[in-house]
Amino acid sequence: MAMVFKTPAEALAALHRMARGDPTALGDLYDRYGRLVYSLAYRVLGDTSQAEEVTQDTFLKVWREPLAWDPAHGRFDGWLLTLARYTAIDRLRMETRRAPGGQIALEDDVASDDDGPDGLNGLDSLDLAHLHGLLEALPPAQRQVVELAFFNGLTHSELAEALHLPLGTVKTRLRLALQKLKSWWESQFGPPD
């Protein structure tokens, strides 16, 4: 039966068990967060086999450094998703370097509700459902830069080049979008822990 972590202390306890070499702790973390990590990796990469590899790589990183998460710096799931996102972006950049011409492909819509098995919208996490709703409320130009930056891993310079916009415009759109998202989130849920 999968362990559900209701408090940061429970996640930290599982990480301490993992540090002592308890393989069931890794299983508990994977059972609880594997689907979430896979969904994010799939959203970034758009490929099931690569998303599966990124999911494995992410949990392997946690296994190798189980005490890397600091509860004082945020929630465990946020830290884990950040780790997964960077792992997926590294994979994406590696693939982009291998692609002929190294062209950055843009899609009109970064992801849709039916992307991959379960996508981000199929998760049981109310936080992700709320976040998706907040993203949808952004003006299209701001939503585009957020999605390309955070789900496709583009840097500010890559965004400017891909969207044929001045770098300052890209930075302004991203900053305004993140300020709106933070404000909306805090108005609904209060400031982060």
N, C-alpha and C. Protein backbone atom coordinates (compact mmCIF):
# COMPACT_ATOMS: atom_id res chain seq x y z
N MET A 1 0.85 -1.19 0.00
CA MET A 1 0.00 0.00 0.00
C MET A 1 0.88 1.24 0.00
N ALA A 2 0.56 2.20 -0.85
CA ALA A 2 1.36 3.42 -0.99
C ALA A 2 1.19 4.30 0.24
N MET A 3 2.29 4.84 0.68
CA MET A 3 2.26 5.75 1.82
C MET A 3 1.88 7.14 1.31
N VAL A 4 0.97 7.78 1.98
CA VAL A 4 0.58 9.14 1.63
C VAL A 4 1.23 10.07 2.64
N PHE A 5 2.03 11.01 2.16
CA PHE A 5 2.73 11.92 3.04
C PHE A 5 1.85 13.14 3.27
N LYS A 6 1.39 13.29 4.50
CA LYS A 6 0.51 14.41 4.81
C LYS A 6 1.26 15.59 5.40
N THR A 7 2.47 15.33 5.86
CA THR A 7 3.26 16.41 6.44
C THR A 7 4.68 16.33 5.90
N PRO A 8 5.39 17.46 5.94
CA PRO A 8 6.79 17.44 5.53
C PRO A 8 7.61 16.46 6.37
N ALA A 9 7.23 16.29 7.64
CA ALA A 9 7.97 15.38 8.51
C ALA A 9 7.90 13.94 8.00
N GLU A 10 6.76 13.55 7.44
CA GLU A 10 6.63 12.18 6.91
C GLU A 10 7.52 11.97 5.69
N ALA A 11 7.57 12.97 4.80
CA ALA A 11 8.46 12.87 3.64
C ALA A 11 9.91 12.85 4.10
N LEU A 12 10.24 13.68 5.07
CA LEU A 12 11.61 13.72 5.60
C LEU A 12 11.97 12.39 6.25
N ALA A 13 11.03 11.78 6.96
CA ALA A 13 11.28 10.48 7.59
C ALA A 13 11.57 9.42 6.52
N ALA A 14 10.84 9.46 5.42
CA ALA A 14 11.09 8.51 4.32
C ALA A 14 12.48 8.74 3.73
N LEU A 15 12.88 9.98 3.60
CA LEU A 15 14.21 10.29 3.07
C LEU A 15 15.30 9.81 4.03
N HIS A 16 15.07 9.95 5.32
CA HIS A 16 16.04 9.44 6.30
C HIS A 16 16.12 7.91 6.23
N ARG A 17 14.98 7.25 6.05
CA ARG A 17 15.00 5.79 5.87
C ARG A 17 15.81 5.43 4.63
N MET A 18 15.64 6.21 3.58
CA MET A 18 16.37 5.97 2.34
C MET A 18 17.87 6.15 2.57
N ALA A 19 18.24 7.16 3.34
CA ALA A 19 19.65 7.42 3.63
C ALA A 19 20.28 6.24 4.37
N ARG A 20 19.45 5.53 5.13
CA ARG A 20 19.94 4.34 5.83
C ARG A 20 19.93 3.10 4.94
N GLY A 21 19.51 3.29 3.66
CA GLY A 21 19.52 2.19 2.70
C GLY A 21 18.24 1.39 2.62
N ASP A 22 17.16 1.90 3.15
CA ASP A 22 15.87 1.19 3.13
C ASP A 22 15.22 1.36 1.76
N PRO A 23 15.22 0.29 0.93
CA PRO A 23 14.64 0.41 -0.42
C PRO A 23 13.13 0.61 -0.41
N THR A 24 12.46 0.24 0.68
CA THR A 24 11.01 0.46 0.72
C THR A 24 10.68 1.94 0.78
N ALA A 25 11.61 2.74 1.32
CA ALA A 25 11.39 4.19 1.37
C ALA A 25 11.33 4.76 -0.04
N LEU A 26 12.22 4.29 -0.90
CA LEU A 26 12.19 4.74 -2.29
C LEU A 26 10.88 4.32 -2.94
N GLY A 27 10.44 3.11 -2.66
CA GLY A 27 9.16 2.64 -3.19
C GLY A 27 8.00 3.49 -2.72
N ASP A 28 8.03 3.89 -1.45
CA ASP A 28 6.96 4.75 -0.92
C ASP A 28 6.94 6.09 -1.64
N LEU A 29 8.13 6.68 -1.82
CA LEU A 29 8.20 7.96 -2.53
C LEU A 29 7.74 7.82 -3.97
N TYR A 30 8.17 6.74 -4.62
CA TYR A 30 7.78 6.53 -6.01
C TYR A 30 6.28 6.32 -6.13
N ASP A 31 5.72 5.50 -5.23
CA ASP A 31 4.27 5.26 -5.27
C ASP A 31 3.49 6.55 -5.09
N ARG A 32 3.98 7.43 -4.24
CA ARG A 32 3.27 8.67 -3.96
C ARG A 32 3.48 9.72 -5.05
N TYR A 33 4.69 9.82 -5.60
CA TYR A 33 5.02 10.92 -6.49
C TYR A 33 5.40 10.52 -7.91
N GLY A 34 5.47 9.24 -8.20
CA GLY A 34 5.90 8.79 -9.53
C GLY A 34 5.03 9.32 -10.66
N ARG A 35 3.74 9.27 -10.47
CA ARG A 35 2.81 9.73 -11.50
C ARG A 35 2.94 11.24 -11.74
N LEU A 36 3.14 11.97 -10.66
CA LEU A 36 3.31 13.42 -10.75
C LEU A 36 4.59 13.77 -11.51
N VAL A 37 5.69 13.09 -11.18
CA VAL A 37 6.97 13.33 -11.84
C VAL A 37 6.87 12.94 -13.32
N TYR A 38 6.26 11.80 -13.59
CA TYR A 38 6.10 11.36 -14.98
C TYR A 38 5.29 12.37 -15.79
N SER A 39 4.21 12.87 -15.22
CA SER A 39 3.35 13.82 -15.93
C SER A 39 4.10 15.09 -16.28
N LEU A 40 4.89 15.59 -15.34
CA LEU A 40 5.68 16.78 -15.63
C LEU A 40 6.72 16.49 -16.70
N ALA A 41 7.41 15.36 -16.58
CA ALA A 41 8.43 14.99 -17.58
C ALA A 41 7.79 14.83 -18.96
N TYR A 42 6.62 14.23 -19.02
CA TYR A 42 5.94 14.07 -20.31
C TYR A 42 5.55 15.42 -20.89
N ARG A 43 5.11 16.32 -20.03
CA ARG A 43 4.70 17.64 -20.51
C ARG A 43 5.89 18.40 -21.08
N VAL A 44 7.07 18.24 -20.48
CA VAL A 44 8.26 18.92 -20.98
C VAL A 44 8.76 18.26 -22.26
N LEU A 45 8.78 16.93 -22.28
CA LEU A 45 9.42 16.20 -23.37
C LEU A 45 8.48 15.76 -24.49
N GLY A 46 7.22 15.50 -24.15
CA GLY A 46 6.26 15.05 -25.16
C GLY A 46 6.52 13.65 -25.69
N ASP A 47 7.25 12.84 -24.94
CA ASP A 47 7.59 11.49 -25.38
C ASP A 47 7.52 10.56 -24.18
N THR A 48 6.75 9.47 -24.32
CA THR A 48 6.54 8.58 -23.18
C THR A 48 7.82 7.89 -22.71
N SER A 49 8.62 7.39 -23.64
CA SER A 49 9.82 6.67 -23.21
C SER A 49 10.82 7.61 -22.55
N GLN A 50 10.97 8.82 -23.08
CA GLN A 50 11.88 9.78 -22.45
C GLN A 50 11.34 10.22 -21.09
N ALA A 51 10.03 10.38 -20.99
CA ALA A 51 9.43 10.77 -19.70
C ALA A 51 9.64 9.67 -18.67
N GLU A 52 9.54 8.41 -19.09
CA GLU A 52 9.80 7.30 -18.17
C GLU A 52 11.26 7.31 -17.71
N GLU A 53 12.18 7.58 -18.63
CA GLU A 53 13.60 7.62 -18.26
C GLU A 53 13.88 8.78 -17.32
N VAL A 54 13.28 9.94 -17.57
CA VAL A 54 13.48 11.09 -16.69
C VAL A 54 12.91 10.79 -15.31
N THR A 55 11.77 10.11 -15.26
CA THR A 55 11.19 9.72 -13.97
C THR A 55 12.15 8.83 -13.20
N GLN A 56 12.71 7.84 -13.88
CA GLN A 56 13.69 6.96 -13.23
C GLN A 56 14.92 7.75 -12.79
N ASP A 57 15.42 8.62 -13.67
CA ASP A 57 16.60 9.43 -13.34
C ASP A 57 16.34 10.31 -12.12
N THR A 58 15.14 10.88 -12.05
CA THR A 58 14.80 11.76 -10.93
C THR A 58 14.84 10.99 -9.62
N PHE A 59 14.21 9.83 -9.58
CA PHE A 59 14.19 9.05 -8.34
C PHE A 59 15.56 8.47 -8.03
N LEU A 60 16.36 8.20 -9.05
CA LEU A 60 17.73 7.75 -8.83
C LEU A 60 18.54 8.87 -8.16
N LYS A 61 18.32 10.11 -8.58
CA LYS A 61 19.01 11.25 -7.95
C LYS A 61 18.60 11.37 -6.48
N VAL A 62 17.31 11.16 -6.20
CA VAL A 62 16.85 11.22 -4.81
C VAL A 62 17.50 10.08 -4.01
N TRP A 63 17.59 8.90 -4.58
CA TRP A 63 18.20 7.75 -3.91
C TRP A 63 19.67 8.03 -3.58
N ARG A 64 20.36 8.66 -4.53
CA ARG A 64 21.79 8.94 -4.34
C ARG A 64 22.04 10.03 -3.30
N GLU A 65 21.13 11.01 -3.23
CA GLU A 65 21.27 12.11 -2.26
C GLU A 65 19.94 12.33 -1.54
N PRO A 66 19.57 11.40 -0.69
CA PRO A 66 18.24 11.47 -0.07
C PRO A 66 18.05 12.66 0.87
N LEU A 67 19.12 13.23 1.35
CA LEU A 67 18.97 14.35 2.29
C LEU A 67 19.22 15.70 1.63
N ALA A 68 19.12 15.76 0.31
CA ALA A 68 19.34 17.01 -0.42
C ALA A 68 18.19 18.00 -0.21
N TRP A 69 16.99 17.50 0.07
CA TRP A 69 15.84 18.39 0.28
C TRP A 69 15.93 19.03 1.66
N ASP A 70 15.73 20.34 1.69
CA ASP A 70 15.71 21.09 2.94
C ASP A 70 14.29 21.61 3.16
N PRO A 71 13.58 21.08 4.16
CA PRO A 71 12.20 21.51 4.40
C PRO A 71 12.06 23.01 4.64
N ALA A 72 13.12 23.66 5.07
CA ALA A 72 13.06 25.10 5.31
C ALA A 72 12.93 25.89 4.02
N HIS A 73 13.27 25.27 2.89
CA HIS A 73 13.22 25.97 1.60
C HIS A 73 11.98 25.66 0.78
N GLY A 74 11.03 24.92 1.30
CA GLY A 74 9.80 24.66 0.56
C GLY A 74 9.33 23.23 0.72
N ARG A 75 8.20 22.97 0.10
CA ARG A 75 7.57 21.65 0.20
C ARG A 75 8.36 20.60 -0.58
N PHE A 76 8.23 19.35 -0.13
CA PHE A 76 8.96 18.26 -0.78
C PHE A 76 8.52 18.08 -2.22
N ASP A 77 7.19 18.11 -2.48
CA ASP A 77 6.73 17.89 -3.84
C ASP A 77 7.21 18.99 -4.78
N GLY A 78 7.30 20.22 -4.29
CA GLY A 78 7.84 21.30 -5.11
C GLY A 78 9.31 21.07 -5.44
N TRP A 79 10.07 20.63 -4.44
CA TRP A 79 11.49 20.34 -4.66
C TRP A 79 11.66 19.18 -5.65
N LEU A 80 10.86 18.14 -5.46
CA LEU A 80 10.95 16.97 -6.34
C LEU A 80 10.58 17.34 -7.78
N LEU A 81 9.53 18.14 -7.95
CA LEU A 81 9.14 18.56 -9.29
C LEU A 81 10.19 19.46 -9.94
N THR A 82 10.84 20.28 -9.14
CA THR A 82 11.93 21.11 -9.67
C THR A 82 13.07 20.22 -10.15
N LEU A 83 13.40 19.21 -9.35
CA LEU A 83 14.44 18.25 -9.74
C LEU A 83 14.04 17.54 -11.04
N ALA A 84 12.79 17.12 -11.13
CA ALA A 84 12.30 16.44 -12.34
C ALA A 84 12.33 17.37 -13.54
N ARG A 85 11.92 18.61 -13.32
CA ARG A 85 11.91 19.59 -14.42
C ARG A 85 13.31 19.81 -14.96
N TYR A 86 14.28 20.02 -14.09
CA TYR A 86 15.65 20.23 -14.56
C TYR A 86 16.21 18.98 -15.23
N THR A 87 15.84 17.82 -14.73
CA THR A 87 16.29 16.57 -15.37
C THR A 87 15.70 16.46 -16.77
N ALA A 88 14.42 16.81 -16.92
CA ALA A 88 13.77 16.77 -18.23
C ALA A 88 14.36 17.83 -19.17
N ILE A 89 14.63 19.01 -18.64
CA ILE A 89 15.22 20.07 -19.47
C ILE A 89 16.60 19.66 -19.95
N ASP A 90 17.38 19.05 -19.07
CA ASP A 90 18.69 18.56 -19.48
C ASP A 90 18.56 17.56 -20.62
N ARG A 91 17.57 16.68 -20.52
CA ARG A 91 17.33 15.70 -21.57
C ARG A 91 16.91 16.40 -22.86
N LEU A 92 16.03 17.38 -22.75
CA LEU A 92 15.56 18.14 -23.91
C LEU A 92 16.70 18.87 -24.59
N ARG A 93 17.55 19.50 -23.81
CA ARG A 93 18.68 20.22 -24.39
C ARG A 93 19.66 19.26 -25.06
N MET A 94 19.86 18.10 -24.45
CA MET A 94 20.74 17.11 -25.05
C MET A 94 20.18 16.67 -26.41
N GLU A 95 18.88 16.47 -26.49
CA GLU A 95 18.24 16.07 -27.74
C GLU A 95 18.29 17.20 -28.76
N THR A 96 18.12 18.46 -28.31
CA THR A 96 18.17 19.60 -29.22
C THR A 96 19.56 19.73 -29.83
N ARG A 97 20.59 19.48 -29.01
CA ARG A 97 21.96 19.55 -29.54
C ARG A 97 22.20 18.47 -30.58
N ARG A 98 21.56 17.33 -30.40
CA ARG A 98 21.73 16.23 -31.35
C ARG A 98 20.94 16.44 -32.64
N ALA A 99 19.86 17.24 -32.55
CA ALA A 99 18.99 17.43 -33.71
C ALA A 99 19.74 18.17 -34.81
N PRO A 100 19.49 17.80 -36.09
CA PRO A 100 20.15 18.50 -37.18
C PRO A 100 19.77 19.98 -37.17
N GLY A 101 20.78 20.83 -37.20
CA GLY A 101 20.54 22.26 -37.23
C GLY A 101 20.23 22.85 -35.88
N GLY A 102 19.93 22.00 -34.87
CA GLY A 102 19.65 22.48 -33.52
C GLY A 102 18.47 23.44 -33.46
N GLN A 103 17.49 23.31 -34.36
CA GLN A 103 16.35 24.22 -34.38
C GLN A 103 15.45 23.97 -33.18
N ILE A 104 14.91 25.04 -32.66
CA ILE A 104 13.95 24.95 -31.58
C ILE A 104 12.57 24.94 -32.21
N ALA A 105 11.83 23.87 -31.97
CA ALA A 105 10.50 23.77 -32.55
C ALA A 105 9.49 24.35 -31.59
N LEU A 106 8.65 25.23 -32.07
CA LEU A 106 7.58 25.80 -31.27
C LEU A 106 6.26 25.21 -31.74
N GLU A 107 5.40 24.95 -30.77
CA GLU A 107 4.06 24.50 -31.11
C GLU A 107 3.12 25.64 -30.77
N ASP A 108 1.97 25.69 -31.44
CA ASP A 108 0.99 26.73 -31.12
C ASP A 108 0.52 26.59 -29.69
N ASP A 109 0.36 25.37 -29.25
CA ASP A 109 -0.10 25.10 -27.91
C ASP A 109 0.88 24.12 -27.30
N VAL A 110 1.53 24.50 -26.23
CA VAL A 110 2.57 23.66 -25.64
C VAL A 110 2.01 22.30 -25.24
N ALA A 111 0.85 22.28 -24.68
CA ALA A 111 0.24 21.00 -24.28
C ALA A 111 -1.26 21.19 -24.25
N SER A 112 -1.95 20.10 -24.43
CA SER A 112 -3.39 20.15 -24.35
C SER A 112 -3.87 19.19 -23.28
N ASP A 113 -5.17 19.21 -23.02
CA ASP A 113 -5.71 18.37 -21.96
C ASP A 113 -5.51 16.89 -22.22
N ASP A 114 -5.34 16.48 -23.48
CA ASP A 114 -5.21 15.06 -23.76
C ASP A 114 -3.77 14.65 -24.03
N ASP A 115 -2.80 15.46 -23.59
CA ASP A 115 -1.40 15.12 -23.78
C ASP A 115 -1.02 13.95 -22.91
N GLY A 116 -0.60 12.87 -23.52
CA GLY A 116 -0.02 11.75 -22.80
C GLY A 116 -1.00 11.09 -21.86
N PRO A 117 -0.54 9.99 -21.28
CA PRO A 117 -1.37 9.29 -20.33
C PRO A 117 -1.55 10.15 -19.08
N ASP A 118 -2.71 10.63 -18.88
CA ASP A 118 -3.13 11.41 -17.73
C ASP A 118 -2.68 12.87 -17.77
N GLY A 119 -1.63 13.24 -18.47
CA GLY A 119 -1.18 14.62 -18.51
C GLY A 119 -1.19 15.24 -17.12
N LEU A 120 -0.95 16.52 -17.00
CA LEU A 120 -1.00 17.16 -15.70
C LEU A 120 -2.44 17.29 -15.20
N ASN A 121 -3.40 17.38 -16.13
CA ASN A 121 -4.79 17.56 -15.71
C ASN A 121 -5.39 16.30 -15.11
N GLY A 122 -4.82 15.14 -15.39
CA GLY A 122 -5.38 13.89 -14.88
C GLY A 122 -4.94 13.57 -13.48
N LEU A 123 -4.15 14.40 -12.86
CA LEU A 123 -3.64 14.12 -11.53
C LEU A 123 -4.72 14.36 -10.49
N ASP A 124 -4.57 13.71 -9.36
CA ASP A 124 -5.49 13.90 -8.26
C ASP A 124 -5.15 15.17 -7.47
N SER A 125 -4.04 15.80 -7.79
CA SER A 125 -3.57 16.96 -7.03
C SER A 125 -4.42 18.19 -7.33
N LEU A 126 -5.07 18.70 -6.30
CA LEU A 126 -5.86 19.92 -6.47
C LEU A 126 -4.96 21.11 -6.76
N ASP A 127 -3.75 21.09 -6.22
CA ASP A 127 -2.82 22.18 -6.49
C ASP A 127 -2.56 22.32 -7.97
N LEU A 128 -2.32 21.21 -8.66
CA LEU A 128 -2.03 21.28 -10.09
C LEU A 128 -3.26 21.72 -10.88
N ALA A 129 -4.42 21.31 -10.45
CA ALA A 129 -5.64 21.75 -11.13
C ALA A 129 -5.80 23.26 -10.98
N HIS A 130 -5.54 23.77 -9.78
CA HIS A 130 -5.63 25.21 -9.57
C HIS A 130 -4.57 25.95 -10.38
N LEU A 131 -3.36 25.41 -10.40
CA LEU A 131 -2.29 26.04 -11.16
C LEU A 131 -2.64 26.08 -12.64
N HIS A 132 -3.18 24.99 -13.16
CA HIS A 132 -3.58 24.95 -14.57
C HIS A 132 -4.63 26.03 -14.84
N GLY A 133 -5.59 26.18 -13.94
CA GLY A 133 -6.61 27.21 -14.10
C GLY A 133 -6.02 28.61 -14.09
N LEU A 134 -5.03 28.82 -13.21
CA LEU A 134 -4.38 30.12 -13.16
C LEU A 134 -3.60 30.39 -14.44
N LEU A 135 -2.92 29.39 -14.97
CA LEU A 135 -2.20 29.56 -16.23
C LEU A 135 -3.16 29.92 -17.35
N GLU A 136 -4.32 29.28 -17.38
CA GLU A 136 -5.31 29.56 -18.42
C GLU A 136 -5.85 30.98 -18.31
N ALA A 137 -5.81 31.55 -17.12
CA ALA A 137 -6.33 32.91 -16.93
C ALA A 137 -5.34 33.99 -17.39
N LEU A 138 -4.09 33.61 -17.61
CA LEU A 138 -3.11 34.58 -18.10
C LEU A 138 -3.42 35.01 -19.53
N PRO A 139 -3.03 36.21 -19.90
CA PRO A 139 -3.12 36.60 -21.32
C PRO A 139 -2.28 35.62 -22.16
N PRO A 140 -2.71 35.29 -23.36
CA PRO A 140 -2.02 34.29 -24.18
C PRO A 140 -0.51 34.53 -24.35
N ALA A 141 -0.10 35.76 -24.53
CA ALA A 141 1.33 36.04 -24.73
C ALA A 141 2.14 35.71 -23.47
N GLN A 142 1.56 36.02 -22.30
CA GLN A 142 2.25 35.71 -21.04
C GLN A 142 2.24 34.21 -20.77
N ARG A 143 1.10 33.57 -21.01
CA ARG A 143 1.02 32.11 -20.81
C ARG A 143 2.03 31.39 -21.69
N GLN A 144 2.19 31.86 -22.92
CA GLN A 144 3.12 31.22 -23.86
C GLN A 144 4.55 31.24 -23.32
N VAL A 145 5.01 32.40 -22.82
CA VAL A 145 6.39 32.46 -22.33
C VAL A 145 6.57 31.63 -21.08
N VAL A 146 5.56 31.59 -20.21
CA VAL A 146 5.65 30.75 -19.00
C VAL A 146 5.76 29.28 -19.39
N GLU A 147 4.88 28.84 -20.29
CA GLU A 147 4.90 27.43 -20.68
C GLU A 147 6.19 27.05 -21.39
N LEU A 148 6.67 27.91 -22.27
CA LEU A 148 7.91 27.60 -22.98
C LEU A 148 9.11 27.61 -22.03
N ALA A 149 9.11 28.53 -21.08
CA ALA A 149 10.23 28.61 -20.14
C ALA A 149 10.21 27.45 -19.15
N PHE A 150 9.05 27.16 -18.57
CA PHE A 150 9.00 26.19 -17.49
C PHE A 150 8.71 24.76 -17.93
N PHE A 151 7.99 24.58 -19.02
CA PHE A 151 7.70 23.22 -19.47
C PHE A 151 8.62 22.78 -20.60
N ASN A 152 9.11 23.71 -21.40
CA ASN A 152 10.03 23.34 -22.48
C ASN A 152 11.47 23.70 -22.17
N GLY A 153 11.69 24.40 -21.07
CA GLY A 153 13.04 24.68 -20.61
C GLY A 153 13.82 25.70 -21.40
N LEU A 154 13.14 26.60 -22.10
CA LEU A 154 13.86 27.61 -22.87
C LEU A 154 14.37 28.72 -21.97
N THR A 155 15.56 29.20 -22.25
CA THR A 155 16.12 30.33 -21.52
C THR A 155 15.50 31.62 -22.07
N HIS A 156 15.78 32.73 -21.40
CA HIS A 156 15.27 34.02 -21.89
C HIS A 156 15.74 34.28 -23.31
N SER A 157 17.02 34.05 -23.58
CA SER A 157 17.57 34.28 -24.92
C SER A 157 16.92 33.36 -25.96
N GLU A 158 16.71 32.10 -25.59
CA GLU A 158 16.07 31.16 -26.51
C GLU A 158 14.63 31.56 -26.78
N LEU A 159 13.94 32.05 -25.74
CA LEU A 159 12.56 32.52 -25.93
C LEU A 159 12.53 33.70 -26.91
N ALA A 160 13.43 34.65 -26.71
CA ALA A 160 13.47 35.83 -27.58
C ALA A 160 13.72 35.42 -29.03
N GLU A 161 14.65 34.51 -29.22
CA GLU A 161 14.97 34.04 -30.58
C GLU A 161 13.80 33.28 -31.19
N ALA A 162 13.23 32.37 -30.42
CA ALA A 162 12.16 31.53 -30.94
C ALA A 162 10.88 32.31 -31.23
N LEU A 163 10.59 33.32 -30.40
CA LEU A 163 9.36 34.10 -30.57
C LEU A 163 9.57 35.36 -31.41
N HIS A 164 10.83 35.60 -31.82
CA HIS A 164 11.18 36.78 -32.61
C HIS A 164 10.76 38.06 -31.88
N LEU A 165 11.15 38.12 -30.59
CA LEU A 165 10.84 39.27 -29.75
C LEU A 165 12.13 39.80 -29.14
N PRO A 166 12.15 41.08 -28.77
CA PRO A 166 13.30 41.59 -28.04
C PRO A 166 13.42 40.89 -26.68
N LEU A 167 14.64 40.73 -26.21
CA LEU A 167 14.88 40.05 -24.93
C LEU A 167 14.15 40.75 -23.79
N GLY A 168 14.13 42.07 -23.79
CA GLY A 168 13.43 42.81 -22.75
C GLY A 168 11.94 42.51 -22.71
N THR A 169 11.33 42.35 -23.88
CA THR A 169 9.91 42.02 -23.95
C THR A 169 9.63 40.65 -23.34
N VAL A 170 10.49 39.69 -23.65
CA VAL A 170 10.34 38.34 -23.10
C VAL A 170 10.45 38.39 -21.57
N LYS A 171 11.46 39.09 -21.06
CA LYS A 171 11.66 39.17 -19.61
C LYS A 171 10.48 39.86 -18.93
N THR A 172 9.96 40.91 -19.56
CA THR A 172 8.82 41.63 -18.99
C THR A 172 7.59 40.74 -18.95
N ARG A 173 7.30 40.04 -20.05
CA ARG A 173 6.12 39.16 -20.07
C ARG A 173 6.23 38.07 -19.02
N LEU A 174 7.42 37.50 -18.89
CA LEU A 174 7.61 36.43 -17.92
C LEU A 174 7.47 36.96 -16.50
N ARG A 175 8.07 38.11 -16.22
CA ARG A 175 7.99 38.70 -14.89
C ARG A 175 6.55 39.04 -14.53
N LEU A 176 5.83 39.66 -15.45
CA LEU A 176 4.43 40.02 -15.19
C LEU A 176 3.57 38.77 -14.96
N ALA A 177 3.80 37.75 -15.77
CA ALA A 177 3.03 36.51 -15.62
C ALA A 177 3.29 35.86 -14.27
N LEU A 178 4.55 35.79 -13.87
CA LEU A 178 4.88 35.17 -12.58
C LEU A 178 4.34 35.98 -11.41
N GLN A 179 4.36 37.31 -11.53
CA GLN A 179 3.78 38.15 -10.48
C GLN A 179 2.28 37.90 -10.36
N LYS A 180 1.59 37.80 -11.51
CA LYS A 180 0.15 37.54 -11.49
C LYS A 180 -0.14 36.18 -10.88
N LEU A 181 0.61 35.16 -11.31
CA LEU A 181 0.38 33.82 -10.79
C LEU A 181 0.59 33.79 -9.27
N LYS A 182 1.66 34.41 -8.81
CA LYS A 182 1.93 34.44 -7.37
C LYS A 182 0.81 35.15 -6.61
N SER A 183 0.39 36.30 -7.13
CA SER A 183 -0.67 37.07 -6.48
C SER A 183 -1.98 36.28 -6.43
N TRP A 184 -2.35 35.69 -7.57
CA TRP A 184 -3.59 34.91 -7.62
C TRP A 184 -3.51 33.72 -6.68
N TRP A 185 -2.36 33.04 -6.68
CA TRP A 185 -2.20 31.85 -5.84
C TRP A 185 -2.33 32.24 -4.35
N GLU A 186 -1.64 33.31 -3.97
CA GLU A 186 -1.67 33.74 -2.57
C GLU A 186 -3.06 34.23 -2.15
N SER A 187 -3.79 34.82 -3.10
CA SER A 187 -5.15 35.28 -2.76
C SER A 187 -6.08 34.10 -2.51
N GLN A 188 -5.80 32.96 -3.12
CA GLN A 188 -6.63 31.76 -2.93
C GLN A 188 -6.15 30.87 -1.80
N PHE A 189 -4.82 30.75 -1.64
CA PHE A 189 -4.26 29.74 -0.72
C PHE A 189 -3.35 30.32 0.34
N GLY A 190 -3.08 31.60 0.29
CA GLY A 190 -2.15 32.21 1.24
C GLY A 190 -0.71 32.01 0.77
N PRO A 191 0.22 32.65 1.46
CA PRO A 191 1.63 32.53 1.06
C PRO A 191 2.14 31.10 1.26
N PRO A 192 3.17 30.70 0.48
CA PRO A 192 3.70 29.35 0.60
C PRO A 192 4.26 29.10 1.99
N ASP A 193 4.29 27.82 2.37
CA ASP A 193 4.82 27.42 3.69
C ASP A 193 6.28 27.75 3.83
